[in-house]
C-alpha atoms as a PDB file:
ATOM      1  CA  MET A   1     124.887 120.664 142.216  1.00  0.00           C
ATOM      2  CA  ILE A   2     125.161 123.330 139.630  1.00  0.00           C
ATOM      3  CA  GLY A   3     128.552 124.834 140.680  1.00  0.00           C
ATOM      4  CA  GLY A   4     130.122 128.345 139.624  1.00  0.00           C
ATOM      5  CA  ARG A   5     128.757 131.662 139.588  1.00  0.00           C
ATOM      6  CA  VAL A   6     125.134 132.038 138.049  1.00  0.00           C
ATOM      7  CA  PRO A   7     125.474 134.758 135.300  1.00  0.00           C
ATOM      8  CA  ASP A   8     123.364 137.595 134.759  1.00  0.00           C
ATOM      9  CA  PRO A   9     121.199 137.962 131.526  1.00  0.00           C
ATOM     10  CA  PRO A  10     123.309 140.324 129.111  1.00  0.00           C
ATOM     11  CA  ASP A  11     120.584 142.861 128.686  1.00  0.00           C
ATOM     12  CA  ASP A  12     116.728 143.430 128.918  1.00  0.00           C
ATOM     13  CA  SER A  13     116.260 142.108 125.371  1.00  0.00           C
ATOM     14  CA  VAL A  14     116.770 138.470 126.771  1.00  0.00           C
ATOM     15  CA  GLU A  15     114.020 136.763 128.688  1.00  0.00           C
ATOM     16  CA  PRO A  16     115.299 135.686 132.104  1.00  0.00           C
ATOM     17  CA  ILE A  17     113.490 132.202 131.720  1.00  0.00           C
ATOM     18  CA  ARG A  18     114.942 131.650 128.465  1.00  0.00           C
ATOM     19  CA  PHE A  19     118.339 132.952 129.385  1.00  0.00           C
ATOM     20  CA  PHE A  20     118.441 130.587 132.434  1.00  0.00           C
ATOM     21  CA  GLY A  21     117.144 127.719 130.535  1.00  0.00           C
ATOM     22  CA  GLN A  22     119.819 127.958 128.081  1.00  0.00           C
ATOM     23  CA  TRP A  23     122.600 128.249 130.897  1.00  0.00           C
ATOM     24  CA  LEU A  24     121.053 125.276 132.722  1.00  0.00           C
ATOM     25  CA  ALA A  25     120.819 123.110 129.708  1.00  0.00           C
ATOM     26  CA  GLU A  26     124.795 123.471 129.502  1.00  0.00           C
ATOM     27  CA  ARG A  27     124.516 121.268 132.868  1.00  0.00           C
ATOM     28  CA  ASN A  28     121.974 118.764 131.829  1.00  0.00           C
ATOM     29  CA  LEU A  29     119.464 120.818 133.817  1.00  0.00           C
ATOM     30  CA  GLY A  30     115.967 122.553 132.823  1.00  0.00           C
ATOM     31  CA  LEU A  31     113.240 124.437 134.280  1.00  0.00           C
ATOM     32  CA  VAL A  32     109.900 122.806 134.314  1.00  0.00           C
ATOM     33  CA  PRO A  33     106.638 124.928 134.902  1.00  0.00           C
ATOM     34  CA  ILE A  34     104.340 124.012 137.726  1.00  0.00           C
ATOM     35  CA  ALA A  35     100.850 123.824 136.651  1.00  0.00           C
ATOM     36  CA  GLU A  36      99.083 124.851 139.921  1.00  0.00           C
ATOM     37  CA  PRO A  37     101.899 126.181 142.284  1.00  0.00           C
ATOM     38  CA  ALA A  38      99.487 127.634 144.751  1.00  0.00           C
ATOM     39  CA  THR A  39      98.582 124.182 145.923  1.00  0.00           C
ATOM     40  CA  PHE A  40     101.784 122.391 144.782  1.00  0.00           C
ATOM     41  CA  ASP A  41     103.736 120.151 147.608  1.00  0.00           C
ATOM     42  CA  TRP A  42     106.995 118.600 147.060  1.00  0.00           C
ATOM     43  CA  PRO A  43     109.451 116.767 149.487  1.00  0.00           C
ATOM     44  CA  GLY A  44     112.342 118.983 147.909  1.00  0.00           C
ATOM     45  CA  GLN A  45     113.299 122.404 146.814  1.00  0.00           C
ATOM     46  CA  TRP A  46     111.197 124.427 143.996  1.00  0.00           C
ATOM     47  CA  LEU A  47     110.894 128.035 143.150  1.00  0.00           C
ATOM     48  CA  ALA A  48     107.909 130.013 143.473  1.00  0.00           C
ATOM     49  CA  ILE A  49     107.449 133.598 141.950  1.00  0.00           C
ATOM     50  CA  VAL A  50     105.507 135.513 144.454  1.00  0.00           C
ATOM     51  CA  ASP A  51     103.544 138.788 143.654  1.00  0.00           C
ATOM     52  CA  GLY A  52     105.153 141.120 146.254  1.00  0.00           C
ATOM     53  CA  PRO A  53     104.537 144.871 146.901  1.00  0.00           C
ATOM     54  CA  GLY A  54     105.558 146.456 143.505  1.00  0.00           C
ATOM     55  CA  ASP A  55     107.238 143.533 141.874  1.00  0.00           C
ATOM     56  CA  ALA A  56     107.348 139.661 141.671  1.00  0.00           C
ATOM     57  CA  HIS A  57     110.016 138.011 143.838  1.00  0.00           C
ATOM     58  CA  ALA A  58     111.629 134.408 143.576  1.00  0.00           C
ATOM     59  CA  VAL A  59     111.005 132.279 146.843  1.00  0.00           C
ATOM     60  CA  VAL A  60     112.440 128.831 147.299  1.00  0.00           C
ATOM     61  CA  MET A  61     109.880 126.433 148.789  1.00  0.00           C
ATOM     62  CA  PHE A  62     110.341 123.004 150.308  1.00  0.00           C
ATOM     63  CA  GLY A  63     108.355 120.219 151.701  1.00  0.00           C
ATOM     64  CA  SER A  64     104.898 118.568 151.544  1.00  0.00           C
ATOM     65  CA  PRO A  65     102.969 120.428 152.285  1.00  0.00           C
ATOM     66  CA  SER A  66     105.226 123.244 151.265  1.00  0.00           C
ATOM     67  CA  GLY A  67     106.755 125.994 153.339  1.00  0.00           C
ATOM     68  CA  VAL A  68     109.181 128.765 152.771  1.00  0.00           C
ATOM     69  CA  TRP A  69     112.806 127.604 152.671  1.00  0.00           C
ATOM     70  CA  LEU A  70     114.348 131.121 151.511  1.00  0.00           C
ATOM     71  CA  ASP A  71     112.709 134.366 151.121  1.00  0.00           C
ATOM     72  CA  PRO A  72     115.381 137.124 151.160  1.00  0.00           C
ATOM     73  CA  ALA A  73     112.858 139.786 150.195  1.00  0.00           C
ATOM     74  CA  GLY A  74     110.213 138.672 152.605  1.00  0.00           C
ATOM     75  CA  ALA A  75     107.846 138.695 149.689  1.00  0.00           C
ATOM     76  CA  TYR A  76     105.746 135.643 150.668  1.00  0.00           C
ATOM     77  CA  ARG A  77     105.465 136.863 154.264  1.00  0.00           C
ATOM     78  CA  ASP A  78     104.088 140.265 153.174  1.00  0.00           C
ATOM     79  CA  SER A  79     102.037 138.612 150.393  1.00  0.00           C
ATOM     80  CA  GLY A  80     101.650 134.885 150.160  1.00  0.00           C
ATOM     81  CA  LYS A  81     100.309 134.849 146.847  1.00  0.00           C
ATOM     82  CA  ILE A  82     102.164 132.536 144.497  1.00  0.00           C
ATOM     83  CA  GLY A  83     101.706 133.520 140.696  1.00  0.00           C
ATOM     84  CA  SER A  84     103.856 130.804 139.093  1.00  0.00           C
ATOM     85  CA  GLY A  85     106.280 128.099 140.097  1.00  0.00           C
ATOM     86  CA  TRP A  86     109.138 126.059 138.621  1.00  0.00           C
ATOM     87  CA  MET A  87     111.214 122.858 139.188  1.00  0.00           C
ATOM     88  CA  LEU A  88     114.803 122.337 138.546  1.00  0.00           C
ATOM     89  CA  ALA A  89     115.078 118.903 136.916  1.00  0.00           C
ATOM     90  CA  PRO A  90     117.847 116.911 135.058  1.00  0.00           C
ATOM     91  CA  LEU A  91     117.030 116.834 131.162  1.00  0.00           C
ATOM     92  CA  ASP A  92     118.410 113.186 131.036  1.00  0.00           C
ATOM     93  CA  LEU A  93     118.490 111.186 134.278  1.00  0.00           C
ATOM     94  CA  HIS A  94     120.982 108.876 132.913  1.00  0.00           C
ATOM     95  CA  LEU A  95     123.559 111.601 132.302  1.00  0.00           C
ATOM     96  CA  SER A  96     126.249 112.475 135.097  1.00  0.00           C
ATOM     97  CA  THR A  97     125.508 115.710 136.795  1.00  0.00           C
ATOM     98  CA  THR A  98     129.242 116.760 137.088  1.00  0.00           C
ATOM     99  CA  THR A  99     130.312 116.052 133.326  1.00  0.00           C
ATOM    100  CA  PRO A 100     127.157 115.161 131.635  1.00  0.00           C
ATOM    101  CA  TYR A 101     128.738 115.468 128.163  1.00  0.00           C
ATOM    102  CA  GLY A 102     132.022 114.007 128.643  1.00  0.00           C
ATOM    103  CA  ALA A 103     135.334 115.540 129.321  1.00  0.00           C
ATOM    104  CA  ALA A 104     137.589 114.636 126.376  1.00  0.00           C
ATOM    105  CA  ALA A 105     136.875 116.186 123.056  1.00  0.00           C
ATOM    106  CA  GLY A 106     139.931 115.272 121.246  1.00  0.00           C
ATOM    107  CA  VAL A 107     141.002 117.261 117.955  1.00  0.00           C
ATOM    108  CA  GLY A 108     139.142 117.211 114.771  1.00  0.00           C
ATOM    109  CA  THR A 109     138.805 118.864 111.404  1.00  0.00           C
ATOM    110  CA  VAL A 110     136.035 120.873 109.598  1.00  0.00           C
ATOM    111  CA  ALA A 111     134.878 118.545 106.819  1.00  0.00           C
ATOM    112  CA  ALA A 112     131.949 120.697 105.415  1.00  0.00           C
ATOM    113  CA  ILE A 113     130.805 124.335 105.939  1.00  0.00           C
ATOM    114  CA  LEU A 114     126.924 124.821 105.078  1.00  0.00           C
ATOM    115  CA  LEU A 115     124.906 128.018 104.951  1.00  0.00           C
ATOM    116  CA  ALA A 116     121.292 129.018 104.224  1.00  0.00           C
ATOM    117  CA  PRO A 117     120.262 132.440 103.515  1.00  0.00           C
ATOM    118  CA  ALA A 118     116.831 132.029 105.359  1.00  0.00           C
ATOM    119  CA  ALA A 119     114.824 129.857 107.584  1.00  0.00           C
ATOM    120  CA  GLU A 120     114.047 126.661 106.166  1.00  0.00           C
ATOM    121  CA  ALA A 121     116.066 127.500 102.767  1.00  0.00           C
ATOM    122  CA  PRO A 122     118.325 124.610 101.617  1.00  0.00           C
ATOM    123  CA  LEU A 123     121.708 124.489 102.653  1.00  0.00           C
ATOM    124  CA  ARG A 124     124.685 125.114 100.352  1.00  0.00           C
ATOM    125  CA  ARG A 125     128.289 124.064 100.757  1.00  0.00           C
ATOM    126  CA  VAL A 126     130.933 126.788 100.668  1.00  0.00           C
ATOM    127  CA  ASP A 127     134.988 126.246 100.886  1.00  0.00           C
ATOM    128  CA  GLY A 128     135.217 128.953 103.625  1.00  0.00           C
ATOM    129  CA  ALA A 129     132.827 131.459 105.529  1.00  0.00           C
ATOM    130  CA  GLU A 130     133.497 134.671 107.502  1.00  0.00           C
ATOM    131  CA  ALA A 131     132.943 134.214 111.345  1.00  0.00           C
ATOM    132  CA  LEU A 132     131.370 137.382 112.872  1.00  0.00           C
ATOM    133  CA  ALA A 133     131.750 137.548 116.795  1.00  0.00           C
ATOM    134  CA  GLY A 134     128.304 137.815 118.282  1.00  0.00           C
ATOM    135  CA  ARG A 135     126.471 136.934 115.171  1.00  0.00           C
ATOM    136  CA  GLY A 136     127.165 133.829 113.209  1.00  0.00           C
ATOM    137  CA  LEU A 137     128.722 132.998 109.744  1.00  0.00           C
ATOM    138  CA  SER A 138     128.472 135.692 107.060  1.00  0.00           C
ATOM    139  CA  GLY A 139     125.589 134.693 104.696  1.00  0.00           C
ATOM    140  CA  ASP A 140     123.860 132.465 107.070  1.00  0.00           C
ATOM    141  CA  ARG A 141     120.299 132.899 108.251  1.00  0.00           C
ATOM    142  CA  TYR A 142     121.465 133.157 112.032  1.00  0.00           C
ATOM    143  CA  ALA A 143     123.873 135.839 111.451  1.00  0.00           C
ATOM    144  CA  ASN A 144     121.117 137.746 109.810  1.00  0.00           C
ATOM    145  CA  GLY A 145     118.669 136.964 112.795  1.00  0.00           C
ATOM    146  CA  ALA A 146     116.481 135.116 110.206  1.00  0.00           C
ATOM    147  CA  GLY A 147     116.720 131.552 111.611  1.00  0.00           C
ATOM    148  CA  THR A 148     113.726 129.458 112.766  1.00  0.00           C
ATOM    149  CA  PHE A 149     115.105 129.671 116.179  1.00  0.00           C
ATOM    150  CA  SER A 150     116.585 133.162 115.977  1.00  0.00           C
ATOM    151  CA  ALA A 151     116.272 134.887 119.409  1.00  0.00           C
ATOM    152  CA  PRO A 152     118.290 136.807 122.034  1.00  0.00           C
ATOM    153  CA  GLY A 153     120.261 134.447 124.040  1.00  0.00           C
ATOM    154  CA  ARG A 154     123.122 131.850 124.082  1.00  0.00           C
ATOM    155  CA  GLY A 155     124.042 129.314 121.201  1.00  0.00           C
ATOM    156  CA  TYR A 156     122.271 130.621 118.197  1.00  0.00           C
ATOM    157  CA  GLU A 157     125.215 131.748 116.227  1.00  0.00           C
ATOM    158  CA  LEU A 158     126.987 128.440 115.034  1.00  0.00           C
ATOM    159  CA  THR A 159     126.048 124.779 115.053  1.00  0.00           C
ATOM    160  CA  LEU A 160     128.256 121.891 114.607  1.00  0.00           C
ATOM    161  CA  VAL A 161     127.719 117.933 114.069  1.00  0.00           C
ATOM    162  CA  GLU A 162     129.820 115.139 113.802  1.00  0.00           C
ATOM    163  CA  GLY A 163     130.067 113.648 110.249  1.00  0.00           C
ATOM    164  CA  GLU A 164     130.374 110.407 111.546  1.00  0.00           C
ATOM    165  CA  VAL A 165     126.962 110.432 113.231  1.00  0.00           C
ATOM    166  CA  LEU A 166     125.317 111.588 110.040  1.00  0.00           C
ATOM    167  CA  ASP A 167     127.128 108.895 107.959  1.00  0.00           C
ATOM    168  CA  GLU A 168     125.983 106.174 110.335  1.00  0.00           C
ATOM    169  CA  ILE A 169     122.230 107.005 110.159  1.00  0.00           C
ATOM    170  CA  GLN A 170     122.576 107.845 106.250  1.00  0.00           C
ATOM    171  CA  LEU A 171     121.427 111.277 106.532  1.00  0.00           C
ATOM    172  CA  PRO A 172     122.989 113.624 103.839  1.00  0.00           C
ATOM    173  CA  TRP A 173     124.997 116.405 105.398  1.00  0.00           C
ATOM    174  CA  GLU A 174     122.985 119.228 104.126  1.00  0.00           C
ATOM    175  CA  ASP A 175     119.749 117.521 105.604  1.00  0.00           C
ATOM    176  CA  ALA A 176     121.269 117.933 109.037  1.00  0.00           C
ATOM    177  CA  ARG A 177     120.926 121.597 108.932  1.00  0.00           C
ATOM    178  CA  ARG A 178     124.050 122.324 110.923  1.00  0.00           C
ATOM    179  CA  ASN A 179     126.478 124.954 109.828  1.00  0.00           C
ATOM    180  CA  ILE A 180     129.918 122.864 110.295  1.00  0.00           C
ATOM    181  CA  VAL A 181     130.125 119.068 109.820  1.00  0.00           C
ATOM    182  CA  ALA A 182     133.255 117.975 111.767  1.00  0.00           C
ATOM    183  CA  LYS A 183     135.435 114.596 111.619  1.00  0.00           C
ATOM    184  CA  GLY A 184     137.285 112.926 114.285  1.00  0.00           C
ATOM    185  CA  ILE A 185     136.102 115.137 117.443  1.00  0.00           C
ATOM    186  CA  SER A 186     133.605 114.470 120.193  1.00  0.00           C
ATOM    187  CA  LEU A 187     131.504 117.753 120.005  1.00  0.00           C
ATOM    188  CA  ASN A 188     129.521 116.879 123.266  1.00  0.00           C
ATOM    189  CA  ALA A 189     132.455 117.457 125.424  1.00  0.00           C
ATOM    190  CA  LEU A 190     132.734 121.024 124.186  1.00  0.00           C
ATOM    191  CA  VAL A 191     129.722 122.122 126.137  1.00  0.00           C
ATOM    192  CA  GLY A 192     130.582 124.923 128.370  1.00  0.00           C
ATOM    193  CA  LYS A 193     134.267 125.107 126.862  1.00  0.00           C
ATOM    194  CA  ARG A 194     136.141 127.600 124.599  1.00  0.00           C
ATOM    195  CA  PHE A 195     137.538 126.006 121.498  1.00  0.00           C
ATOM    196  CA  ARG A 196     138.938 126.921 118.321  1.00  0.00           C
ATOM    197  CA  ILE A 197     138.053 126.471 114.668  1.00  0.00           C
ATOM    198  CA  GLY A 198     141.209 127.550 112.940  1.00  0.00           C
ATOM    199  CA  ALA A 199     142.039 130.920 114.201  1.00  0.00           C
ATOM    200  CA  VAL A 200     138.431 131.587 115.370  1.00  0.00           C
ATOM    201  CA  GLU A 201     137.644 131.179 118.961  1.00  0.00           C
ATOM    202  CA  CYS A 202     134.164 129.970 119.844  1.00  0.00           C
ATOM    203  CA  VAL A 203     132.371 128.611 123.176  1.00  0.00           C
ATOM    204  CA  GLY A 204     130.299 125.516 123.216  1.00  0.00           C
ATOM    205  CA  ARG A 205     126.679 126.313 124.752  1.00  0.00           C
ATOM    206  CA  ARG A 206     124.552 123.285 124.784  1.00  0.00           C
ATOM    207  CA  LEU A 207     123.552 120.191 122.513  1.00  0.00           C
ATOM    208  CA  ALA A 208     121.911 120.689 119.302  1.00  0.00           C
ATOM    209  CA  GLU A 209     119.290 118.272 120.190  1.00  0.00           C
ATOM    210  CA  PRO A 210     116.822 117.029 117.289  1.00  0.00           C
ATOM    211  CA  CYS A 211     113.403 118.015 117.277  1.00  0.00           C
ATOM    212  CA  ALA A 212     109.933 117.627 115.241  1.00  0.00           C
ATOM    213  CA  HIS A 213     111.154 120.687 113.095  1.00  0.00           C
ATOM    214  CA  LEU A 214     114.079 118.746 111.904  1.00  0.00           C
ATOM    215  CA  GLU A 215     112.044 115.767 110.993  1.00  0.00           C
ATOM    216  CA  LYS A 216     109.670 117.772 108.998  1.00  0.00           C
ATOM    217  CA  LEU A 217     112.428 119.506 107.024  1.00  0.00           C
ATOM    218  CA  ALA A 218     114.696 116.315 106.608  1.00  0.00           C
ATOM    219  CA  ARG A 219     112.875 113.064 107.097  1.00  0.00           C
ATOM    220  CA  PRO A 220     110.714 111.251 109.679  1.00  0.00           C
ATOM    221  CA  ASP A 221     111.944 109.257 112.494  1.00  0.00           C
ATOM    222  CA  LEU A 222     115.354 111.175 112.937  1.00  0.00           C
ATOM    223  CA  LEU A 223     114.796 112.387 116.585  1.00  0.00           C
ATOM    224  CA  ARG A 224     115.567 109.047 118.448  1.00  0.00           C
ATOM    225  CA  PRO A 225     118.737 108.195 116.540  1.00  0.00           C
ATOM    226  CA  LEU A 226     119.954 111.816 117.126  1.00  0.00           C
ATOM    227  CA  VAL A 227     119.293 112.236 120.797  1.00  0.00           C
ATOM    228  CA  HIS A 228     122.558 113.555 122.269  1.00  0.00           C
ATOM    229  CA  ARG A 229     124.114 113.087 118.854  1.00  0.00           C
ATOM    230  CA  GLY A 230     122.677 115.979 117.021  1.00  0.00           C
ATOM    231  CA  GLY A 231     125.724 118.336 117.354  1.00  0.00           C
ATOM    232  CA  LEU A 232     126.525 121.352 119.301  1.00  0.00           C
ATOM    233  CA  ARG A 233     125.291 124.784 119.582  1.00  0.00           C
ATOM    234  CA  ALA A 234     128.242 127.355 119.932  1.00  0.00           C
ATOM    235  CA  ASP A 235     128.684 131.008 119.973  1.00  0.00           C
ATOM    236  CA  ILE A 236     131.500 132.953 117.974  1.00  0.00           C
ATOM    237  CA  VAL A 237     133.944 134.774 120.270  1.00  0.00           C
ATOM    238  CA  SER A 238     136.391 136.396 117.858  1.00  0.00           C
ATOM    239  CA  ASP A 239     135.995 137.318 114.277  1.00  0.00           C
ATOM    240  CA  GLY A 240     137.900 135.277 111.303  1.00  0.00           C
ATOM    241  CA  THR A 241     137.723 132.961 108.492  1.00  0.00           C
ATOM    242  CA  ILE A 242     136.752 129.432 109.044  1.00  0.00           C
ATOM    243  CA  ALA A 243     137.699 127.021 106.051  1.00  0.00           C
ATOM    244  CA  VAL A 244     137.271 123.525 105.224  1.00  0.00           C
ATOM    245  CA  GLY A 245     140.190 121.463 106.465  1.00  0.00           C
ATOM    246  CA  ASP A 246     140.500 123.798 109.668  1.00  0.00           C
ATOM    247  CA  GLU A 247     141.586 122.100 112.907  1.00  0.00           C
ATOM    248  CA  ILE A 248     138.915 122.025 115.707  1.00  0.00           C
ATOM    249  CA  SER A 249     140.724 122.014 119.010  1.00  0.00           C
END
């Protein structure tokens, strides 16, 4: 169902649950914690973390009542003590499991670039910004590791949003709290793909979905009209300058 090789976390600074949660979000999937895994039963597969000798091990469980479906390390056989559990579930049941966010992005342009020096600070428009690979836009809070959601992981370096969506719901571009306002492109289709903004190479990680924090900073009742339309979280692959009017392709 997932397809492709499952990546390894880049280093020990990234929590595995956070990392794989981000990777799964690119595929319209998420990990849901199980409240009482020791007594959980489910007529399908779920992941148990077993406290084995010297370390914790992942075991795939199945059935109602549940038994071991896959236990490569023999941890459940040796211990049988389940410490925590997780289920893999779609983020949105209405979306496809193959291309949940669309396949054709088209070509767009940079309509605005917005930066904020610190978390919750007002965004200001600039004509151009230096893109720093592995960090973000120079002068922005996420490049400095000072954003509200700054953390090791994927998709914290650059955010984009479609100007047409913001205009439709009459939200000022600065209030959307995204770095780049794009015109003429379907950003959702860039999830999991490499793309260019001018000469700068980026990779789309997952949707920049709305949340209660955005409603607090901008205005109430924003969450529902921005579900699946709140933009794109991306990482920067190559250094360069991004300017208003640059092509996004």
